[in-house]
């Protein structure tokens, strides 16, 4: 195999560069768009929270229809249109600021458009990869793309802060505009023709139902979705409580908290680089449950943290969790892509994302309620116990010992008959 692997292939390199620009732009916006509201418009705390909600609500509201629509269309075209729509939406912000007509309501609208475009782009690119690379190289391809996402998460928000500091908030968005335009340009260089799925004259609701039936009826995909949703539920419960513990009870400075949290991103980068070797050594099934099972006990250190040597345990826990999350995500995504027929890739991706993202706001709300009722440390203990519930989804089914995905893009007959 070539030293640079799939990156030496022209078409994959185009997708890789496009995703690099898109992920970087998306992560910069995590901080940049709210700071436009705070620094330029002086909005209230509630308005900032509502703006953040506008950026993510599309994942829940249109996630399922997006999958059905992506399956009807050419994935590369969907990604290019999504990029250019984000360019136009973001350009409106510095233009309105220059004309002195910028309002928080415009930012709400821009955030909603960005969220919709991100949903379509993400569903399309995850469904597009199997068209570009052989299925036995999906782990390698997803590992490369996961490195991009992890690095973007590491540096995107801080880069957004520095851009705003030097360029002012509205004009800093022009850098993100350039990133999305670059993403669209890279996608246009891909040469391999995409097979156009036959458009059936059926209702959109029926196609969405087909995606739901496929995921919920598949003994392997159902377990992966259940494991991921459970893990996301309890981690999203723990994360805000952990920040409250560090900032309020331990009195740590924001810079110190940021440095501690960077351990998770560093672990994610290591996990992305090591993932392909782990899958070759252990197989896909064992890699998935070990990536979930090994970091889970480390969450029990969180309720006992103090501003002393135990912060080192926190960094170790975040590092291992970050590595485990990335290894699990790359492996399960490659597995899902491998067992799904091409005509269902978009709907499968959107259906799984609907379930696993849907638990995130629920976990945050549940964590806030429990934090008020039983306390921050007690809520972290509940989250640590709950995180262990993700593992049985994988250990009690056939996936735990599978070294590779079932052949022919579907579960074997024995699994379809007996799997639960």
Protein backbone atom coordinates (compact mmCIF):
# COMPACT_ATOMS: atom_id res chain seq x y z
CA UNK A 1 0.00 0.00 0.00
CA UNK A 2 1.20 3.50 -0.76
CA UNK A 3 2.72 5.53 2.05
CA UNK A 4 -0.09 8.06 1.74
CA UNK A 5 -2.82 5.47 1.17
CA UNK A 6 -6.09 6.82 -0.21
CA UNK A 7 -4.74 10.38 -0.31
CA UNK A 8 -2.82 9.43 -3.45
CA UNK A 9 -6.13 8.78 -5.21
CA UNK A 10 -7.38 11.91 -6.95
CA UNK A 11 -11.09 11.54 -6.19
CA UNK A 12 -10.68 10.70 -2.51
CA UNK A 13 -8.23 13.59 -2.18
CA UNK A 14 -10.91 15.92 -3.54
CA UNK A 15 -13.41 14.70 -0.93
CA UNK A 16 -10.75 14.89 1.79
CA UNK A 17 -9.83 18.50 0.99
CA UNK A 18 -13.50 19.48 0.71
CA UNK A 19 -14.33 17.92 4.05
CA UNK A 20 -11.28 19.58 5.61
CA UNK A 21 -12.52 23.02 4.61
CA UNK A 22 -16.12 22.25 5.55
CA UNK A 23 -15.29 20.84 8.99
CA UNK A 24 -12.93 23.73 9.76
CA UNK A 25 -15.59 26.26 8.78
CA UNK A 26 -18.26 24.50 10.83
CA UNK A 27 -16.07 24.37 13.95
CA UNK A 28 -15.01 28.02 13.64
CA UNK A 29 -18.69 28.95 13.52
CA UNK A 30 -19.29 27.21 16.86
CA UNK A 31 -17.63 30.22 18.49
CA UNK A 32 -17.66 32.87 15.77
CA UNK A 33 -21.40 33.20 15.16
CA UNK A 34 -22.37 33.56 18.85
CA UNK A 35 -19.56 36.10 19.31
CA UNK A 36 -20.97 38.16 16.46
CA UNK A 37 -24.18 38.35 18.49
CA UNK A 38 -22.41 39.06 21.78
CA UNK A 39 -19.68 41.47 20.67
CA UNK A 40 -21.53 43.30 17.90
CA UNK A 41 -25.21 43.24 18.88
CA UNK A 42 -24.85 42.98 22.69
CA UNK A 43 -27.63 40.41 22.92
CA UNK A 44 -28.91 38.80 26.13
CA UNK A 45 -28.00 35.35 27.49
CA UNK A 46 -31.34 33.95 26.33
CA UNK A 47 -30.78 35.22 22.80
CA UNK A 48 -27.34 33.60 22.71
CA UNK A 49 -28.85 30.31 23.84
CA UNK A 50 -31.58 30.57 21.22
CA UNK A 51 -28.93 31.23 18.56
CA UNK A 52 -27.04 28.10 19.60
CA UNK A 53 -30.28 26.11 19.40
CA UNK A 54 -30.92 27.41 15.89
CA UNK A 55 -27.54 26.01 14.81
CA UNK A 56 -28.38 22.45 15.88
CA UNK A 57 -32.16 22.07 15.72
CA UNK A 58 -32.01 20.98 12.06
CA UNK A 59 -30.42 17.66 13.04
CA UNK A 60 -33.60 16.65 14.84
CA UNK A 61 -36.22 18.39 12.71
CA UNK A 62 -35.10 17.50 9.18
CA UNK A 63 -32.65 14.66 9.76
CA UNK A 64 -34.98 11.92 8.50
CA UNK A 65 -36.33 13.74 5.41
CA UNK A 66 -32.77 14.75 4.51
CA UNK A 67 -31.75 11.10 4.26
CA UNK A 68 -34.61 10.26 1.90
CA UNK A 69 -33.89 13.30 -0.27
CA UNK A 70 -30.16 12.58 -0.43
CA UNK A 71 -30.93 9.05 -1.67
CA UNK A 72 -32.92 10.60 -4.54
CA UNK A 73 -30.11 12.93 -5.61
CA UNK A 74 -26.46 12.83 -6.55
CA UNK A 75 -24.49 13.16 -3.33
CA UNK A 76 -21.74 15.33 -4.78
CA UNK A 77 -24.29 17.83 -6.11
CA UNK A 78 -25.96 17.97 -2.68
CA UNK A 79 -22.62 18.78 -1.04
CA UNK A 80 -21.74 21.48 -3.57
CA UNK A 81 -25.16 23.15 -3.26
CA UNK A 82 -24.89 22.99 0.55
CA UNK A 83 -21.49 24.69 0.46
CA UNK A 84 -22.63 27.53 -1.80
CA UNK A 85 -25.80 28.04 0.27
CA UNK A 86 -23.61 28.43 3.36
CA UNK A 87 -21.42 30.92 1.49
CA UNK A 88 -24.41 33.09 0.57
CA UNK A 89 -25.94 32.90 4.06
CA UNK A 90 -22.70 33.90 5.78
CA UNK A 91 -21.93 36.69 3.32
CA UNK A 92 -25.17 38.38 4.35
CA UNK A 93 -23.81 38.97 7.88
CA UNK A 94 -20.81 41.25 7.14
CA UNK A 95 -22.84 42.93 4.38
CA UNK A 96 -25.70 43.73 6.78
CA UNK A 97 -23.21 44.90 9.42
CA UNK A 98 -21.54 47.21 6.90
CA UNK A 99 -24.97 48.61 5.96
CA UNK A 100 -25.79 48.94 9.70
CA UNK A 101 -28.92 46.79 9.44
CA UNK A 102 -27.65 43.60 11.13
CA UNK A 103 -30.06 42.19 13.75
CA UNK A 104 -30.22 39.13 15.94
CA UNK A 105 -33.18 37.90 13.90
CA UNK A 106 -31.00 37.78 10.82
CA UNK A 107 -28.46 35.74 12.80
CA UNK A 108 -31.24 33.33 13.77
CA UNK A 109 -32.14 32.90 10.10
CA UNK A 110 -28.50 32.43 9.09
CA UNK A 111 -27.99 29.86 11.87
CA UNK A 112 -31.04 27.91 10.70
CA UNK A 113 -29.79 27.90 7.09
CA UNK A 114 -26.33 26.80 8.20
CA UNK A 115 -27.83 23.99 10.27
CA UNK A 116 -29.93 22.71 7.38
CA UNK A 117 -26.97 22.83 4.99
CA UNK A 118 -24.73 21.03 7.48
CA UNK A 119 -27.29 18.24 7.86
CA UNK A 120 -27.45 17.72 4.10
CA UNK A 121 -23.68 17.99 3.64
CA UNK A 122 -22.89 15.51 6.41
CA UNK A 123 -25.49 12.95 5.30
CA UNK A 124 -24.30 13.26 1.70
CA UNK A 125 -20.57 12.93 2.36
CA UNK A 126 -21.01 9.94 4.67
CA UNK A 127 -23.17 8.31 1.97
CA UNK A 128 -20.79 9.33 -0.83
CA UNK A 129 -17.61 7.70 0.46
CA UNK A 130 -18.66 4.13 -0.53
CA UNK A 131 -18.99 5.39 -4.13
CA UNK A 132 -15.36 6.54 -4.16
CA UNK A 133 -13.50 3.74 -2.37
CA UNK A 134 -13.79 -0.02 -2.18
CA UNK A 135 -15.76 -1.25 0.82
CA UNK A 136 -12.72 -3.01 2.26
CA UNK A 137 -11.01 0.42 2.45
CA UNK A 138 -13.86 2.26 4.18
CA UNK A 139 -12.11 2.12 7.57
CA UNK A 140 -9.02 3.75 6.03
CA UNK A 141 -11.12 6.43 4.35
CA UNK A 142 -13.23 7.19 7.41
CA UNK A 143 -10.10 7.30 9.58
CA UNK A 144 -8.60 9.99 7.34
CA UNK A 145 -11.82 12.01 7.44
CA UNK A 146 -12.06 11.56 11.23
CA UNK A 147 -8.57 13.02 11.61
CA UNK A 148 -9.89 16.10 9.82
CA UNK A 149 -12.91 16.38 12.11
CA UNK A 150 -10.80 15.91 15.24
CA UNK A 151 -8.20 18.48 14.25
CA UNK A 152 -11.01 20.90 13.34
CA UNK A 153 -12.57 20.40 16.77
CA UNK A 154 -9.19 20.99 18.40
CA UNK A 155 -8.36 24.21 16.60
CA UNK A 156 -11.60 25.54 15.12
CA UNK A 157 -13.13 27.37 18.09
CA UNK A 158 -9.82 28.89 19.19
CA UNK A 159 -9.06 29.94 15.62
CA UNK A 160 -12.48 31.59 15.49
CA UNK A 161 -11.65 33.52 18.64
CA UNK A 162 -8.35 34.83 17.25
CA UNK A 163 -9.95 35.73 13.91
CA UNK A 164 -12.61 37.75 15.71
CA UNK A 165 -9.95 39.42 17.85
CA UNK A 166 -7.94 40.61 14.85
CA UNK A 167 -10.61 41.09 12.16
CA UNK A 168 -13.71 41.96 14.26
CA UNK A 169 -16.60 39.52 14.51
CA UNK A 170 -18.54 40.09 11.26
CA UNK A 171 -15.48 40.22 9.00
CA UNK A 172 -14.01 37.09 10.59
CA UNK A 173 -16.86 35.17 8.96
CA UNK A 174 -15.32 35.93 5.57
CA UNK A 175 -12.58 33.40 6.35
CA UNK A 176 -15.26 30.76 6.88
CA UNK A 177 -16.93 31.84 3.66
CA UNK A 178 -13.66 31.20 1.85
CA UNK A 179 -13.47 27.74 3.44
CA UNK A 180 -16.91 26.70 2.22
CA UNK A 181 -16.15 28.06 -1.26
CA UNK A 182 -12.91 26.05 -1.28
CA UNK A 183 -14.87 22.95 -0.26
CA UNK A 184 -17.24 23.37 -3.21
CA UNK A 185 -14.30 23.90 -5.58
CA UNK A 186 -12.58 20.71 -4.40
CA UNK A 187 -15.75 18.68 -4.90
CA UNK A 188 -16.00 19.82 -8.52
CA UNK A 189 -12.60 18.19 -9.24
CA UNK A 190 -13.86 14.67 -8.51
CA UNK A 191 -13.92 12.71 -11.75
CA UNK A 192 -15.60 9.41 -10.92
CA UNK A 193 -19.21 9.40 -12.13
CA UNK A 194 -21.78 8.71 -9.46
CA UNK A 195 -24.39 6.07 -10.15
CA UNK A 196 -27.78 7.75 -10.27
CA UNK A 197 -30.34 5.82 -8.28
CA UNK A 198 -33.64 5.26 -10.05
CA UNK A 199 -36.15 7.81 -8.80
CA UNK A 200 -39.32 6.05 -7.69
CA UNK A 201 -42.67 7.73 -7.67
CA UNK A 202 -43.34 7.15 -4.00
CA UNK A 203 -44.12 9.50 -1.19
CA UNK A 204 -41.31 10.96 0.86
CA UNK A 205 -42.91 9.59 4.02
CA UNK A 206 -42.75 6.07 2.63
CA UNK A 207 -39.05 6.45 1.85
CA UNK A 208 -38.40 7.75 5.36
CA UNK A 209 -40.30 4.74 6.73
CA UNK A 210 -38.11 2.43 4.63
CA UNK A 211 -35.02 3.92 6.24
CA UNK A 212 -36.51 3.50 9.72
CA UNK A 213 -37.52 -0.10 9.02
CA UNK A 214 -34.09 -0.92 7.64
CA UNK A 215 -32.20 0.42 10.65
CA UNK A 216 -34.61 -0.81 13.34
CA UNK A 217 -35.05 -4.18 11.62
CA UNK A 218 -31.35 -4.83 11.10
CA UNK A 219 -29.93 -6.74 14.11
CA UNK A 220 -26.51 -5.06 13.76
CA UNK A 221 -27.49 -1.48 12.92
CA UNK A 222 -30.11 -1.47 15.67
CA UNK A 223 -27.49 -2.35 18.26
CA UNK A 224 -25.00 0.22 16.98
CA UNK A 225 -27.65 2.94 17.05
CA UNK A 226 -28.74 1.93 20.56
CA UNK A 227 -25.16 1.91 21.85
CA UNK A 228 -24.34 5.30 20.35
CA UNK A 229 -27.59 6.90 21.51
CA UNK A 230 -27.07 5.61 25.07
CA UNK A 231 -23.47 6.82 25.18
CA UNK A 232 -24.44 10.25 23.83
CA UNK A 233 -27.29 10.57 26.35
CA UNK A 234 -25.11 10.14 29.42
CA UNK A 235 -22.08 12.02 28.09
CA UNK A 236 -24.27 15.01 27.22
CA UNK A 237 -25.61 14.76 30.78
CA UNK A 238 -22.09 14.79 32.22
CA UNK A 239 -20.44 17.45 30.08
CA UNK A 240 -22.22 20.60 31.37
CA UNK A 241 -22.02 19.31 34.93
CA UNK A 242 -18.28 18.77 34.53
CA UNK A 243 -17.86 22.36 33.37
CA UNK A 244 -19.86 23.59 36.35
CA UNK A 245 -17.74 21.51 38.72
CA UNK A 246 -14.46 22.81 37.30
CA UNK A 247 -15.50 26.46 37.03
CA UNK A 248 -17.80 26.97 40.00
CA UNK A 249 -16.86 24.45 42.67
CA UNK A 250 -13.13 24.15 41.94
CA UNK A 251 -12.71 27.76 40.79
CA UNK A 252 -10.48 26.98 37.81
CA UNK A 253 -9.78 29.71 35.24
CA UNK A 254 -11.24 29.42 31.76
CA UNK A 255 -7.78 28.93 30.24
CA UNK A 256 -7.04 26.06 32.60
CA UNK A 257 -10.37 24.41 31.78
CA UNK A 258 -9.65 24.78 28.07
CA UNK A 259 -6.24 23.15 28.52
CA UNK A 260 -7.79 20.24 30.40
CA UNK A 261 -10.46 19.75 27.76
CA UNK A 262 -7.82 19.71 25.02
CA UNK A 263 -6.77 16.29 26.34
CA UNK A 264 -9.94 14.85 24.80
CA UNK A 265 -9.11 16.30 21.38
CA UNK A 266 -5.55 14.99 21.59
CA UNK A 267 -6.86 11.54 22.44
CA UNK A 268 -9.22 11.76 19.49
CA UNK A 269 -6.33 12.55 17.15
CA UNK A 270 -4.35 9.57 18.44
CA UNK A 271 -7.41 7.35 18.06
CA UNK A 272 -7.98 8.45 14.48
CA UNK A 273 -4.35 7.74 13.55
CA UNK A 274 -4.36 4.31 15.23
CA UNK A 275 -7.83 3.16 14.18
CA UNK A 276 -6.94 1.34 10.95
CA UNK A 277 -4.27 -0.75 12.69
CA UNK A 278 -6.60 -1.60 15.57
CA UNK A 279 -9.31 -2.84 13.21
CA UNK A 280 -6.82 -4.99 11.30
CA UNK A 281 -5.54 -6.46 14.56
CA UNK A 282 -8.78 -6.94 16.50
CA UNK A 283 -11.53 -6.89 13.89
CA UNK A 284 -14.43 -4.45 13.63
CA UNK A 285 -16.73 -5.91 16.30
CA UNK A 286 -14.13 -6.19 19.11
CA UNK A 287 -12.73 -2.75 18.23
CA UNK A 288 -16.17 -1.19 18.68
CA UNK A 289 -16.99 -2.67 22.07
CA UNK A 290 -13.48 -2.14 23.43
CA UNK A 291 -13.59 1.52 22.34
CA UNK A 292 -16.77 1.92 24.39
CA UNK A 293 -15.86 -0.38 27.28
CA UNK A 294 -12.32 0.71 28.12
CA UNK A 295 -12.97 4.46 28.74
CA UNK A 296 -16.36 3.97 30.49
CA UNK A 297 -14.99 3.15 34.00
CA UNK A 298 -12.81 6.27 33.89
CA UNK A 299 -15.93 8.44 34.14
CA UNK A 300 -16.24 7.33 37.77
CA UNK A 301 -13.26 9.60 38.56
CA UNK A 302 -15.26 12.72 37.63
CA UNK A 303 -17.44 13.03 40.78
CA UNK A 304 -14.36 12.96 43.04
CA UNK A 305 -12.30 15.65 41.32
CA UNK A 306 -10.50 18.32 43.33
CA UNK A 307 -8.05 21.06 42.35
CA UNK A 308 -5.00 18.86 42.97
CA UNK A 309 -3.29 15.82 41.46
CA UNK A 310 -6.72 14.41 40.57
CA UNK A 311 -6.90 16.82 37.65
CA UNK A 312 -4.34 14.51 36.07
CA UNK A 313 -6.93 11.73 36.31
CA UNK A 314 -9.38 14.01 34.52
CA UNK A 315 -6.92 14.55 31.66
CA UNK A 316 -6.31 10.81 31.44
CA UNK A 317 -10.05 10.13 31.42
CA UNK A 318 -10.70 12.75 28.73
CA UNK A 319 -7.78 11.50 26.63
CA UNK A 320 -9.01 7.90 26.75
CA UNK A 321 -12.61 8.96 26.15
CA UNK A 322 -11.59 11.09 23.16
CA UNK A 323 -9.58 8.23 21.69
CA UNK A 324 -12.37 5.74 22.31
CA UNK A 325 -15.04 7.96 20.79
CA UNK A 326 -13.07 8.46 17.59
CA UNK A 327 -12.11 4.78 17.24
CA UNK A 328 -15.72 3.78 17.84
CA UNK A 329 -17.14 6.38 15.48
CA UNK A 330 -14.81 5.50 12.59
CA UNK A 331 -15.35 1.77 13.00
CA UNK A 332 -19.13 1.85 13.42
CA UNK A 333 -19.53 4.29 10.53
CA UNK A 334 -17.46 2.06 8.24
CA UNK A 335 -19.46 -0.95 9.45
CA UNK A 336 -22.78 0.78 8.79
CA UNK A 337 -21.70 1.83 5.32
CA UNK A 338 -20.56 -1.72 4.57
CA UNK A 339 -23.81 -3.48 5.49
CA UNK A 340 -26.13 -0.97 3.80
CA UNK A 341 -27.25 -1.22 0.15
CA UNK A 342 -26.27 1.82 -1.91
CA UNK A 343 -29.85 2.92 -2.48
CA UNK A 344 -30.39 3.18 1.30
CA UNK A 345 -27.13 4.82 2.36
CA UNK A 346 -28.59 8.31 2.77
CA UNK A 347 -31.64 7.16 4.70
CA UNK A 348 -29.60 4.82 6.89
CA UNK A 349 -27.18 7.64 7.77
CA UNK A 350 -29.96 10.12 8.49
CA UNK A 351 -31.99 7.62 10.54
CA UNK A 352 -29.05 6.67 12.75
CA UNK A 353 -28.04 10.32 13.18
CA UNK A 354 -31.63 11.19 14.11
CA UNK A 355 -31.59 8.68 16.97
CA UNK A 356 -28.07 9.34 18.24
CA UNK A 357 -28.27 13.16 18.00
CA UNK A 358 -31.77 13.18 19.43
CA UNK A 359 -30.50 12.01 22.83
CA UNK A 360 -28.03 14.91 23.12
CA UNK A 361 -30.50 17.71 24.03
CA UNK A 362 -32.40 15.23 26.21
CA UNK A 363 -29.20 14.41 28.11
CA UNK A 364 -28.37 18.07 28.61
CA UNK A 365 -31.86 18.78 29.96
CA UNK A 366 -31.81 15.72 32.21
CA UNK A 367 -28.37 16.68 33.54
CA UNK A 368 -29.57 20.19 34.35
CA UNK A 369 -32.63 18.92 36.22
CA UNK A 370 -30.63 16.34 38.20
CA UNK A 371 -27.94 18.92 38.95
CA UNK A 372 -30.57 21.15 40.55
CA UNK A 373 -32.20 18.31 42.48
CA UNK A 374 -29.35 16.07 43.65
CA UNK A 375 -26.21 18.13 42.98
CA UNK A 376 -23.44 18.34 40.40
CA UNK A 377 -21.19 15.55 41.70
CA UNK A 378 -24.13 13.21 42.23
CA UNK A 379 -25.28 13.84 38.64
CA UNK A 380 -21.79 12.99 37.37
CA UNK A 381 -22.01 9.71 39.28
CA UNK A 382 -25.38 8.93 37.67
CA UNK A 383 -23.89 9.71 34.26
CA UNK A 384 -20.90 7.44 34.95
CA UNK A 385 -23.23 4.56 35.87
CA UNK A 386 -25.44 5.23 32.86
CA UNK A 387 -22.53 5.28 30.44
CA UNK A 388 -21.88 1.63 31.24
CA UNK A 389 -25.33 0.80 29.80
CA UNK A 390 -24.01 1.46 26.30
CA UNK A 391 -21.78 -1.61 26.35
CA UNK A 392 -24.47 -4.37 26.59
CA UNK A 393 -25.90 -3.22 23.25
CA UNK A 394 -22.76 -4.64 21.61
CA UNK A 395 -21.77 -7.44 23.99
CA UNK A 396 -25.15 -9.24 23.96
CA UNK A 397 -25.36 -9.58 20.18
CA UNK A 398 -23.43 -11.19 17.33
CA UNK A 399 -21.47 -8.03 16.59
CA UNK A 400 -19.12 -8.52 19.57
CA UNK A 401 -17.01 -11.19 17.82
CA UNK A 402 -17.29 -10.09 14.18
CA UNK A 403 -13.93 -9.40 12.59
CA UNK A 404 -15.57 -8.02 9.45
CA UNK A 405 -18.99 -6.92 8.20
CA UNK A 406 -21.42 -9.44 6.68
CA UNK A 407 -21.01 -9.89 2.96
CA UNK A 408 -23.26 -8.46 0.26
CA UNK A 409 -24.31 -5.40 2.21
CA UNK A 410 -26.82 -7.13 4.46
CA UNK A 411 -27.02 -9.22 7.58
CA UNK A 412 -26.83 -13.00 7.14
CA UNK A 413 -30.13 -14.83 7.14
CA UNK A 414 -29.45 -16.37 10.53
CA UNK A 415 -29.00 -12.92 12.03
CA UNK A 416 -32.10 -11.54 10.37
CA UNK A 417 -34.16 -14.38 11.80
CA UNK A 418 -32.74 -14.51 15.30
CA UNK A 419 -31.26 -11.10 15.99
CA UNK A 420 -32.78 -8.81 18.53
